[in-house]
């Protein structure tokens, strides 16, 4: 899943420069949200307990909720990606719970 096209990645900005590229911050926040949610999803898939899965599922929910903030430079593409990640996490979490309940029955 490609989050950003190469053309959307900003050029390197010299940190000693007084000028800040306004898209740099927006791209950073978009990358942070998507990458954080993807990491949480991979951890959710590997989790062995209900509590661990619930924790990572909640993390993904937080990333999705933060993406709904307006005026923070979060793109529609990021929101859509986070929605897909959240949907996948929902299925993973529910399937794992179903499997656990079947084993306990």
C-alpha atoms as a PDB file:
ATOM      1  CA  UNK A   1       0.000   0.000   0.000  1.00  0.00           C
ATOM      2  CA  UNK A   2       1.629   3.219  -1.132  1.00  0.00           C
ATOM      3  CA  UNK A   3       0.806   6.127   1.135  1.00  0.00           C
ATOM      4  CA  UNK A   4       2.458   8.928  -0.808  1.00  0.00           C
ATOM      5  CA  UNK A   5       3.592   9.198  -4.393  1.00  0.00           C
ATOM      6  CA  UNK A   6       7.224  10.129  -4.874  1.00  0.00           C
ATOM      7  CA  UNK A   7       6.082  13.503  -6.243  1.00  0.00           C
ATOM      8  CA  UNK A   8       4.343  14.260  -2.943  1.00  0.00           C
ATOM      9  CA  UNK A   9       7.482  13.795  -0.843  1.00  0.00           C
ATOM     10  CA  UNK A  10       9.073  17.201  -0.194  1.00  0.00           C
ATOM     11  CA  UNK A  11      12.705  17.974  -0.858  1.00  0.00           C
ATOM     12  CA  UNK A  12      15.132  17.986   2.066  1.00  0.00           C
ATOM     13  CA  UNK A  13      14.933  21.232   4.021  1.00  0.00           C
ATOM     14  CA  UNK A  14      18.082  22.480   5.725  1.00  0.00           C
ATOM     15  CA  UNK A  15      17.205  22.565   9.476  1.00  0.00           C
ATOM     16  CA  UNK A  16      19.418  25.615   9.984  1.00  0.00           C
ATOM     17  CA  UNK A  17      17.309  27.540   7.490  1.00  0.00           C
ATOM     18  CA  UNK A  18      14.917  30.067   9.008  1.00  0.00           C
ATOM     19  CA  UNK A  19      12.290  29.359   6.354  1.00  0.00           C
ATOM     20  CA  UNK A  20      10.092  26.321   6.736  1.00  0.00           C
ATOM     21  CA  UNK A  21       8.432  24.648   3.840  1.00  0.00           C
ATOM     22  CA  UNK A  22       4.709  24.543   4.765  1.00  0.00           C
ATOM     23  CA  UNK A  23       4.168  21.176   3.059  1.00  0.00           C
ATOM     24  CA  UNK A  24       6.977  19.589   5.019  1.00  0.00           C
ATOM     25  CA  UNK A  25       4.961  19.645   8.230  1.00  0.00           C
ATOM     26  CA  UNK A  26       1.832  18.403   6.477  1.00  0.00           C
ATOM     27  CA  UNK A  27       3.711  15.526   4.885  1.00  0.00           C
ATOM     28  CA  UNK A  28       5.354  14.681   8.196  1.00  0.00           C
ATOM     29  CA  UNK A  29       2.029  14.453  10.040  1.00  0.00           C
ATOM     30  CA  UNK A  30       0.506  12.365   7.253  1.00  0.00           C
ATOM     31  CA  UNK A  31       3.462   9.964   7.301  1.00  0.00           C
ATOM     32  CA  UNK A  32       3.442   9.747  11.088  1.00  0.00           C
ATOM     33  CA  UNK A  33      -0.262   8.915  11.234  1.00  0.00           C
ATOM     34  CA  UNK A  34      -0.215   6.285   8.497  1.00  0.00           C
ATOM     35  CA  UNK A  35       3.054   4.673   9.566  1.00  0.00           C
ATOM     36  CA  UNK A  36       1.958   4.599  13.202  1.00  0.00           C
ATOM     37  CA  UNK A  37      -1.342   2.962  12.288  1.00  0.00           C
ATOM     38  CA  UNK A  38       0.422   0.411  10.070  1.00  0.00           C
ATOM     39  CA  UNK A  39       2.823  -0.483  12.877  1.00  0.00           C
ATOM     40  CA  UNK A  40      -0.100  -0.899  15.281  1.00  0.00           C
ATOM     41  CA  UNK A  41      -1.903  -3.099  12.746  1.00  0.00           C
ATOM     42  CA  UNK A  42       1.108  -5.376  12.345  1.00  0.00           C
ATOM     43  CA  UNK A  43       1.414  -5.638  16.130  1.00  0.00           C
ATOM     44  CA  UNK A  44      -2.317  -6.368  16.400  1.00  0.00           C
ATOM     45  CA  UNK A  45      -1.911  -9.223  13.922  1.00  0.00           C
ATOM     46  CA  UNK A  46       0.910 -10.731  16.028  1.00  0.00           C
ATOM     47  CA  UNK A  47      -0.738 -10.151  19.412  1.00  0.00           C
ATOM     48  CA  UNK A  48      -1.492 -13.281  21.399  1.00  0.00           C
ATOM     49  CA  UNK A  49      -3.950 -11.939  23.934  1.00  0.00           C
ATOM     50  CA  UNK A  50      -7.268 -10.136  23.811  1.00  0.00           C
ATOM     51  CA  UNK A  51      -5.873  -7.248  25.855  1.00  0.00           C
ATOM     52  CA  UNK A  52      -2.928  -6.749  23.500  1.00  0.00           C
ATOM     53  CA  UNK A  53      -5.200  -6.812  20.437  1.00  0.00           C
ATOM     54  CA  UNK A  54      -7.567  -4.361  22.095  1.00  0.00           C
ATOM     55  CA  UNK A  55      -4.680  -2.017  22.907  1.00  0.00           C
ATOM     56  CA  UNK A  56      -3.389  -1.943  19.318  1.00  0.00           C
ATOM     57  CA  UNK A  57      -6.928  -1.635  17.960  1.00  0.00           C
ATOM     58  CA  UNK A  58      -7.457   1.387  20.206  1.00  0.00           C
ATOM     59  CA  UNK A  59      -4.178   2.901  18.972  1.00  0.00           C
ATOM     60  CA  UNK A  60      -5.392   2.641  15.386  1.00  0.00           C
ATOM     61  CA  UNK A  61      -8.656   4.288  16.429  1.00  0.00           C
ATOM     62  CA  UNK A  62      -6.694   7.195  17.885  1.00  0.00           C
ATOM     63  CA  UNK A  63      -4.749   7.667  14.652  1.00  0.00           C
ATOM     64  CA  UNK A  64      -8.030   7.667  12.737  1.00  0.00           C
ATOM     65  CA  UNK A  65      -9.631  10.147  15.120  1.00  0.00           C
ATOM     66  CA  UNK A  66      -6.645  12.493  14.945  1.00  0.00           C
ATOM     67  CA  UNK A  67      -6.925  12.407  11.156  1.00  0.00           C
ATOM     68  CA  UNK A  68     -10.380  13.967  11.426  1.00  0.00           C
ATOM     69  CA  UNK A  69      -8.876  17.207  12.745  1.00  0.00           C
ATOM     70  CA  UNK A  70      -9.460  19.969  10.248  1.00  0.00           C
ATOM     71  CA  UNK A  71      -6.776  22.518   9.466  1.00  0.00           C
ATOM     72  CA  UNK A  72      -3.942  20.255  10.606  1.00  0.00           C
ATOM     73  CA  UNK A  73      -2.652  19.535   7.103  1.00  0.00           C
ATOM     74  CA  UNK A  74      -4.019  16.001   7.048  1.00  0.00           C
ATOM     75  CA  UNK A  75      -4.904  14.958   3.527  1.00  0.00           C
ATOM     76  CA  UNK A  76      -7.985  13.117   2.339  1.00  0.00           C
ATOM     77  CA  UNK A  77      -5.701  10.348   1.094  1.00  0.00           C
ATOM     78  CA  UNK A  78      -4.352   9.908   4.626  1.00  0.00           C
ATOM     79  CA  UNK A  79      -7.868   9.762   6.061  1.00  0.00           C
ATOM     80  CA  UNK A  80      -8.904   7.162   3.502  1.00  0.00           C
ATOM     81  CA  UNK A  81      -5.793   5.088   4.176  1.00  0.00           C
ATOM     82  CA  UNK A  82      -6.432   5.219   7.916  1.00  0.00           C
ATOM     83  CA  UNK A  83     -10.055   4.203   7.377  1.00  0.00           C
ATOM     84  CA  UNK A  84      -8.881   1.142   5.408  1.00  0.00           C
ATOM     85  CA  UNK A  85      -6.335   0.279   8.101  1.00  0.00           C
ATOM     86  CA  UNK A  86      -9.023   0.650  10.775  1.00  0.00           C
ATOM     87  CA  UNK A  87     -11.419  -1.566   8.823  1.00  0.00           C
ATOM     88  CA  UNK A  88      -8.752  -4.242   8.432  1.00  0.00           C
ATOM     89  CA  UNK A  89      -7.927  -3.980  12.135  1.00  0.00           C
ATOM     90  CA  UNK A  90     -11.605  -4.381  13.000  1.00  0.00           C
ATOM     91  CA  UNK A  91     -11.798  -7.606  10.988  1.00  0.00           C
ATOM     92  CA  UNK A  92      -8.538  -8.917  12.447  1.00  0.00           C
ATOM     93  CA  UNK A  93      -9.621  -8.169  16.006  1.00  0.00           C
ATOM     94  CA  UNK A  94     -13.086  -9.642  15.598  1.00  0.00           C
ATOM     95  CA  UNK A  95     -11.836 -12.759  13.793  1.00  0.00           C
ATOM     96  CA  UNK A  96      -9.264 -13.398  16.508  1.00  0.00           C
ATOM     97  CA  UNK A  97     -11.941 -12.976  19.194  1.00  0.00           C
ATOM     98  CA  UNK A  98     -14.264 -15.339  17.341  1.00  0.00           C
ATOM     99  CA  UNK A  99     -11.494 -17.948  17.059  1.00  0.00           C
ATOM    100  CA  UNK A 100     -10.683 -17.582  20.751  1.00  0.00           C
ATOM    101  CA  UNK A 101     -14.336 -18.010  21.735  1.00  0.00           C
ATOM    102  CA  UNK A 102     -14.639 -21.129  19.562  1.00  0.00           C
ATOM    103  CA  UNK A 103     -11.570 -22.658  21.199  1.00  0.00           C
ATOM    104  CA  UNK A 104     -13.000 -21.947  24.656  1.00  0.00           C
ATOM    105  CA  UNK A 105     -16.387 -23.455  23.803  1.00  0.00           C
END
